[in-house]
């Protein structure tokens, strides 16, 4: 039973976003923050200015979109 559960999880993770055309060109940004205690916090978001700055600095970027929880 555990094998089945692990297999389904792995299949789901490897199939994520595979239905998109050019799925090999989709990327997600993550940021790492370090506080005064040298602890690294990672999160899956980016500052508001990331999109315009990245588009100007990296010419290979074709499109950028943001998602926001309501």
PDB file of N, CA and C in Angstrom:
ATOM      1  N   UNK A   1       0.820  -1.189   0.000  1.00  0.00           N
ATOM      2  CA  UNK A   1       0.000   0.000   0.000  1.00  0.00           C
ATOM      3  C   UNK A   1       0.869   1.260   0.000  1.00  0.00           C
ATOM      4  N   UNK A   2       1.955   1.238   0.777  1.00  0.00           N
ATOM      5  CA  UNK A   2       2.852   2.392   0.826  1.00  0.00           C
ATOM      6  C   UNK A   2       3.497   2.630  -0.542  1.00  0.00           C
ATOM      7  N   UNK A   3       3.862   1.540  -1.219  1.00  0.00           N
ATOM      8  CA  UNK A   3       4.459   1.670  -2.547  1.00  0.00           C
ATOM      9  C   UNK A   3       3.511   2.365  -3.507  1.00  0.00           C
ATOM     10  N   UNK A   4       2.240   2.007  -3.454  1.00  0.00           N
ATOM     11  CA  UNK A   4       1.236   2.620  -4.325  1.00  0.00           C
ATOM     12  C   UNK A   4       1.107   4.115  -4.033  1.00  0.00           C
ATOM     13  N   UNK A   5       1.048   4.469  -2.771  1.00  0.00           N
ATOM     14  CA  UNK A   5       0.933   5.879  -2.398  1.00  0.00           C
ATOM     15  C   UNK A   5       2.137   6.690  -2.841  1.00  0.00           C
ATOM     16  N   UNK A   6       3.328   6.164  -2.617  1.00  0.00           N
ATOM     17  CA  UNK A   6       4.561   6.852  -3.024  1.00  0.00           C
ATOM     18  C   UNK A   6       4.619   6.963  -4.544  1.00  0.00           C
ATOM     19  N   UNK A   7       4.241   5.903  -5.249  1.00  0.00           N
ATOM     20  CA  UNK A   7       4.255   5.925  -6.719  1.00  0.00           C
ATOM     21  C   UNK A   7       3.313   6.991  -7.266  1.00  0.00           C
ATOM     22  N   UNK A   8       2.106   7.064  -6.716  1.00  0.00           N
ATOM     23  CA  UNK A   8       1.154   8.084  -7.173  1.00  0.00           C
ATOM     24  C   UNK A   8       1.678   9.490  -6.915  1.00  0.00           C
ATOM     25  N   UNK A   9       2.315   9.689  -5.776  1.00  0.00           N
ATOM     26  CA  UNK A   9       2.893  10.998  -5.455  1.00  0.00           C
ATOM     27  C   UNK A   9       3.988  11.369  -6.457  1.00  0.00           C
ATOM     28  N   UNK A  10       4.888  10.453  -6.744  1.00  0.00           N
ATOM     29  CA  UNK A  10       5.992  10.704  -7.677  1.00  0.00           C
ATOM     30  C   UNK A  10       5.465  10.977  -9.084  1.00  0.00           C
ATOM     31  N   UNK A  11       4.499  10.199  -9.533  1.00  0.00           N
ATOM     32  CA  UNK A  11       3.911  10.414 -10.862  1.00  0.00           C
ATOM     33  C   UNK A  11       3.280  11.794 -10.949  1.00  0.00           C
ATOM     34  N   UNK A  12       2.570  12.200  -9.904  1.00  0.00           N
ATOM     35  CA  UNK A  12       1.947  13.529  -9.886  1.00  0.00           C
ATOM     36  C   UNK A  12       2.998  14.635  -9.934  1.00  0.00           C
ATOM     37  N   UNK A  13       4.062  14.502  -9.177  1.00  0.00           N
ATOM     38  CA  UNK A  13       5.109  15.530  -9.157  1.00  0.00           C
ATOM     39  C   UNK A  13       5.796  15.662 -10.520  1.00  0.00           C
ATOM     40  N   UNK A  14       6.040  14.569 -11.187  1.00  0.00           N
ATOM     41  CA  UNK A  14       6.717  14.627 -12.482  1.00  0.00           C
ATOM     42  C   UNK A  14       5.789  15.025 -13.623  1.00  0.00           C
ATOM     43  N   UNK A  15       4.489  14.987 -13.408  1.00  0.00           N
ATOM     44  CA  UNK A  15       3.565  15.364 -14.473  1.00  0.00           C
ATOM     45  C   UNK A  15       3.061  16.800 -14.320  1.00  0.00           C
ATOM     46  N   UNK A  16       3.501  17.488 -13.303  1.00  0.00           N
ATOM     47  CA  UNK A  16       3.038  18.846 -13.017  1.00  0.00           C
ATOM     48  C   UNK A  16       3.357  19.784 -14.178  1.00  0.00           C
ATOM     49  N   UNK A  17       2.375  20.486 -14.695  1.00  0.00           N
ATOM     50  CA  UNK A  17       2.497  21.439 -15.806  1.00  0.00           C
ATOM     51  C   UNK A  17       2.916  20.803 -17.129  1.00  0.00           C
ATOM     52  N   UNK A  18       2.862  19.511 -17.270  1.00  0.00           N
ATOM     53  CA  UNK A  18       3.278  18.859 -18.521  1.00  0.00           C
ATOM     54  C   UNK A  18       2.256  19.014 -19.627  1.00  0.00           C
ATOM     55  N   UNK A  19       1.055  19.466 -19.317  1.00  0.00           N
ATOM     56  CA  UNK A  19       0.029  19.628 -20.346  1.00  0.00           C
ATOM     57  C   UNK A  19       0.197  20.931 -21.117  1.00  0.00           C
ATOM     58  N   UNK A  20       1.060  21.829 -20.653  1.00  0.00           N
ATOM     59  CA  UNK A  20       1.288  23.095 -21.344  1.00  0.00           C
ATOM     60  C   UNK A  20       2.180  22.901 -22.567  1.00  0.00           C
ATOM     61  N   UNK A  21       1.903  23.671 -23.598  1.00  0.00           N
ATOM     62  CA  UNK A  21       2.796  23.701 -24.747  1.00  0.00           C
ATOM     63  C   UNK A  21       4.111  24.325 -24.279  1.00  0.00           C
ATOM     64  N   UNK A  22       5.220  23.803 -24.697  1.00  0.00           N
ATOM     65  CA  UNK A  22       6.554  24.273 -24.292  1.00  0.00           C
ATOM     66  C   UNK A  22       6.733  24.219 -22.768  1.00  0.00           C
ATOM     67  N   UNK A  23       6.274  23.138 -22.155  1.00  0.00           N
ATOM     68  CA  UNK A  23       6.345  23.025 -20.700  1.00  0.00           C
ATOM     69  C   UNK A  23       7.777  23.025 -20.179  1.00  0.00           C
ATOM     70  N   UNK A  24       8.742  22.714 -21.019  1.00  0.00           N
ATOM     71  CA  UNK A  24      10.133  22.732 -20.592  1.00  0.00           C
ATOM     72  C   UNK A  24      10.671  24.155 -20.439  1.00  0.00           C
ATOM     73  N   UNK A  25       9.864  25.151 -20.784  1.00  0.00           N
ATOM     74  CA  UNK A  25      10.287  26.546 -20.688  1.00  0.00           C
ATOM     75  C   UNK A  25       9.564  27.298 -19.572  1.00  0.00           C
ATOM     76  N   UNK A  26       8.894  26.576 -18.678  1.00  0.00           N
ATOM     77  CA  UNK A  26       8.187  27.188 -17.557  1.00  0.00           C
ATOM     78  C   UNK A  26       9.079  27.114 -16.318  1.00  0.00           C
ATOM     79  N   UNK A  27       9.234  28.234 -15.644  1.00  0.00           N
ATOM     80  CA  UNK A  27      10.066  28.296 -14.448  1.00  0.00           C
ATOM     81  C   UNK A  27       9.315  28.991 -13.324  1.00  0.00           C
ATOM     82  N   UNK A  28       9.659  28.650 -12.126  1.00  0.00           N
ATOM     83  CA  UNK A  28       9.097  29.290 -10.948  1.00  0.00           C
ATOM     84  C   UNK A  28      10.250  29.895 -10.154  1.00  0.00           C
ATOM     85  N   UNK A  29      10.059  31.111  -9.692  1.00  0.00           N
ATOM     86  CA  UNK A  29      11.105  31.756  -8.907  1.00  0.00           C
ATOM     87  C   UNK A  29      10.875  31.514  -7.420  1.00  0.00           C
ATOM     88  N   UNK A  30      11.953  31.431  -6.698  1.00  0.00           N
ATOM     89  CA  UNK A  30      11.938  31.321  -5.249  1.00  0.00           C
ATOM     90  C   UNK A  30      12.956  32.317  -4.707  1.00  0.00           C
ATOM     91  N   UNK A  31      12.714  32.829  -3.532  1.00  0.00           N
ATOM     92  CA  UNK A  31      13.688  33.714  -2.913  1.00  0.00           C
ATOM     93  C   UNK A  31      14.131  33.116  -1.584  1.00  0.00           C
ATOM     94  N   UNK A  32      15.353  33.441  -1.204  1.00  0.00           N
ATOM     95  CA  UNK A  32      15.898  33.018   0.080  1.00  0.00           C
ATOM     96  C   UNK A  32      16.218  34.272   0.879  1.00  0.00           C
ATOM     97  N   UNK A  33      15.775  34.282   2.116  1.00  0.00           N
ATOM     98  CA  UNK A  33      16.022  35.428   2.988  1.00  0.00           C
ATOM     99  C   UNK A  33      16.827  34.963   4.193  1.00  0.00           C
ATOM    100  N   UNK A  34      17.807  35.752   4.578  1.00  0.00           N
ATOM    101  CA  UNK A  34      18.608  35.438   5.746  1.00  0.00           C
ATOM    102  C   UNK A  34      18.377  36.523   6.785  1.00  0.00           C
ATOM    103  N   UNK A  35      18.034  36.116   7.981  1.00  0.00           N
ATOM    104  CA  UNK A  35      17.857  37.106   9.037  1.00  0.00           C
ATOM    105  C   UNK A  35      19.133  37.208   9.870  1.00  0.00           C
ATOM    106  N   UNK A  36      19.107  37.965  10.937  1.00  0.00           N
ATOM    107  CA  UNK A  36      20.313  38.234  11.729  1.00  0.00           C
ATOM    108  C   UNK A  36      20.857  36.982  12.408  1.00  0.00           C
ATOM    109  N   UNK A  37      20.056  35.955  12.571  1.00  0.00           N
ATOM    110  CA  UNK A  37      20.512  34.721  13.216  1.00  0.00           C
ATOM    111  C   UNK A  37      21.072  33.717  12.215  1.00  0.00           C
ATOM    112  N   UNK A  38      21.350  34.148  11.011  1.00  0.00           N
ATOM    113  CA  UNK A  38      21.894  33.329   9.931  1.00  0.00           C
ATOM    114  C   UNK A  38      20.955  32.159   9.604  1.00  0.00           C
ATOM    115  N   UNK A  39      19.689  32.374   9.762  1.00  0.00           N
ATOM    116  CA  UNK A  39      18.698  31.376   9.400  1.00  0.00           C
ATOM    117  C   UNK A  39      18.182  31.725   8.006  1.00  0.00           C
ATOM    118  N   UNK A  40      18.136  30.743   7.137  1.00  0.00           N
ATOM    119  CA  UNK A  40      17.684  30.983   5.764  1.00  0.00           C
ATOM    120  C   UNK A  40      16.225  30.574   5.642  1.00  0.00           C
ATOM    121  N   UNK A  41      15.421  31.510   5.194  1.00  0.00           N
ATOM    122  CA  UNK A  41      14.003  31.249   4.943  1.00  0.00           C
ATOM    123  C   UNK A  41      13.773  31.260   3.446  1.00  0.00           C
ATOM    124  N   UNK A  42      13.159  30.222   2.937  1.00  0.00           N
ATOM    125  CA  UNK A  42      12.874  30.137   1.507  1.00  0.00           C
ATOM    126  C   UNK A  42      11.374  30.241   1.304  1.00  0.00           C
ATOM    127  N   UNK A  43      10.984  30.986   0.276  1.00  0.00           N
ATOM    128  CA  UNK A  43       9.564  31.071  -0.042  1.00  0.00           C
ATOM    129  C   UNK A  43       9.381  31.175  -1.555  1.00  0.00           C
ATOM    130  N   UNK A  44       8.191  30.832  -2.008  1.00  0.00           N
ATOM    131  CA  UNK A  44       7.904  30.799  -3.438  1.00  0.00           C
ATOM    132  C   UNK A  44       7.268  32.077  -3.932  1.00  0.00           C
ATOM    133  N   UNK A  45       7.799  33.205  -3.512  1.00  0.00           N
ATOM    134  CA  UNK A  45       7.260  34.477  -3.984  1.00  0.00           C
ATOM    135  C   UNK A  45       8.423  35.388  -4.372  1.00  0.00           C
ATOM    136  N   UNK A  46       8.083  36.499  -4.956  1.00  0.00           N
ATOM    137  CA  UNK A  46       9.094  37.460  -5.385  1.00  0.00           C
ATOM    138  C   UNK A  46       8.561  38.869  -5.158  1.00  0.00           C
ATOM    139  N   UNK A  47       9.448  39.842  -5.002  1.00  0.00           N
ATOM    140  CA  UNK A  47       9.002  41.225  -4.805  1.00  0.00           C
ATOM    141  C   UNK A  47       8.268  41.771  -6.028  1.00  0.00           C
ATOM    142  N   UNK A  48       7.511  42.838  -5.827  1.00  0.00           N
ATOM    143  CA  UNK A  48       6.735  43.447  -6.913  1.00  0.00           C
ATOM    144  C   UNK A  48       7.592  43.869  -8.097  1.00  0.00           C
ATOM    145  N   UNK A  49       8.782  44.344  -7.852  1.00  0.00           N
ATOM    146  CA  UNK A  49       9.648  44.845  -8.926  1.00  0.00           C
ATOM    147  C   UNK A  49      10.386  43.736  -9.668  1.00  0.00           C
ATOM    148  N   UNK A  50      10.187  42.492  -9.266  1.00  0.00           N
ATOM    149  CA  UNK A  50      10.914  41.395  -9.910  1.00  0.00           C
ATOM    150  C   UNK A  50      10.610  41.290 -11.396  1.00  0.00           C
ATOM    151  N   UNK A  51       9.338  41.301 -11.763  1.00  0.00           N
ATOM    152  CA  UNK A  51       8.950  41.089 -13.166  1.00  0.00           C
ATOM    153  C   UNK A  51       9.538  42.137 -14.102  1.00  0.00           C
ATOM    154  N   UNK A  52       9.360  43.439 -13.838  1.00  0.00           N
ATOM    155  CA  UNK A  52       9.941  44.411 -14.780  1.00  0.00           C
ATOM    156  C   UNK A  52      11.463  44.381 -14.807  1.00  0.00           C
ATOM    157  N   UNK A  53      12.076  44.157 -13.660  1.00  0.00           N
ATOM    158  CA  UNK A  53      13.541  44.119 -13.611  1.00  0.00           C
ATOM    159  C   UNK A  53      14.077  42.896 -14.333  1.00  0.00           C
ATOM    160  N   UNK A  54      13.472  41.740 -14.094  1.00  0.00           N
ATOM    161  CA  UNK A  54      13.927  40.515 -14.752  1.00  0.00           C
ATOM    162  C   UNK A  54      13.754  40.604 -16.260  1.00  0.00           C
ATOM    163  N   UNK A  55      12.658  41.178 -16.709  1.00  0.00           N
ATOM    164  CA  UNK A  55      12.407  41.315 -18.146  1.00  0.00           C
ATOM    165  C   UNK A  55      13.456  42.201 -18.804  1.00  0.00           C
ATOM    166  N   UNK A  56      13.873  43.261 -18.115  1.00  0.00           N
ATOM    167  CA  UNK A  56      14.906  44.142 -18.676  1.00  0.00           C
ATOM    168  C   UNK A  56      16.290  43.504 -18.626  1.00  0.00           C
ATOM    169  N   UNK A  57      16.584  42.759 -17.568  1.00  0.00           N
ATOM    170  CA  UNK A  57      17.924  42.207 -17.369  1.00  0.00           C
ATOM    171  C   UNK A  57      18.167  40.902 -18.123  1.00  0.00           C
ATOM    172  N   UNK A  58      17.134  40.122 -18.345  1.00  0.00           N
ATOM    173  CA  UNK A  58      17.279  38.811 -18.987  1.00  0.00           C
ATOM    174  C   UNK A  58      16.467  38.806 -20.274  1.00  0.00           C
ATOM    175  N   UNK A  59      17.095  39.023 -21.423  1.00  0.00           N
ATOM    176  CA  UNK A  59      16.356  39.131 -22.678  1.00  0.00           C
ATOM    177  C   UNK A  59      15.662  37.827 -23.103  1.00  0.00           C
ATOM    178  N   UNK A  60      16.066  36.685 -22.552  1.00  0.00           N
ATOM    179  CA  UNK A  60      15.447  35.414 -22.913  1.00  0.00           C
ATOM    180  C   UNK A  60      14.040  35.258 -22.342  1.00  0.00           C
ATOM    181  N   UNK A  61      13.675  36.067 -21.357  1.00  0.00           N
ATOM    182  CA  UNK A  61      12.345  35.975 -20.764  1.00  0.00           C
ATOM    183  C   UNK A  61      11.322  36.519 -21.748  1.00  0.00           C
ATOM    184  N   UNK A  62      10.349  35.688 -22.095  1.00  0.00           N
ATOM    185  CA  UNK A  62       9.313  36.096 -23.032  1.00  0.00           C
ATOM    186  C   UNK A  62       8.101  36.688 -22.322  1.00  0.00           C
ATOM    187  N   UNK A  63       7.666  36.030 -21.249  1.00  0.00           N
ATOM    188  CA  UNK A  63       6.477  36.471 -20.512  1.00  0.00           C
ATOM    189  C   UNK A  63       6.654  36.168 -19.034  1.00  0.00           C
ATOM    190  N   UNK A  64       6.031  36.975 -18.219  1.00  0.00           N
ATOM    191  CA  UNK A  64       6.028  36.756 -16.773  1.00  0.00           C
ATOM    192  C   UNK A  64       4.609  36.964 -16.279  1.00  0.00           C
ATOM    193  N   UNK A  65       4.195  36.123 -15.353  1.00  0.00           N
ATOM    194  CA  UNK A  65       2.899  36.314 -14.719  1.00  0.00           C
ATOM    195  C   UNK A  65       3.047  36.123 -13.222  1.00  0.00           C
ATOM    196  N   UNK A  66       2.134  36.712 -12.483  1.00  0.00           N
ATOM    197  CA  UNK A  66       2.135  36.590 -11.031  1.00  0.00           C
ATOM    198  C   UNK A  66       0.812  35.981 -10.585  1.00  0.00           C
ATOM    199  N   UNK A  67       0.864  35.229  -9.517  1.00  0.00           N
ATOM    200  CA  UNK A  67      -0.315  34.673  -8.891  1.00  0.00           C
ATOM    201  C   UNK A  67      -0.429  35.250  -7.505  1.00  0.00           C
ATOM    202  N   UNK A  68      -1.638  35.470  -7.079  1.00  0.00           N
ATOM    203  CA  UNK A  68      -1.850  36.044  -5.764  1.00  0.00           C
ATOM    204  C   UNK A  68      -3.019  35.349  -5.081  1.00  0.00           C
ATOM    205  N   UNK A  69      -2.794  34.990  -3.834  1.00  0.00           N
ATOM    206  CA  UNK A  69      -3.882  34.398  -3.052  1.00  0.00           C
ATOM    207  C   UNK A  69      -4.835  35.487  -2.661  1.00  0.00           C
ATOM    208  N   UNK A  70      -6.113  35.208  -2.724  1.00  0.00           N
ATOM    209  CA  UNK A  70      -7.113  36.172  -2.308  1.00  0.00           C
ATOM    210  C   UNK A  70      -7.597  35.885  -0.917  1.00  0.00           C
TER     211      UNK A  70
END
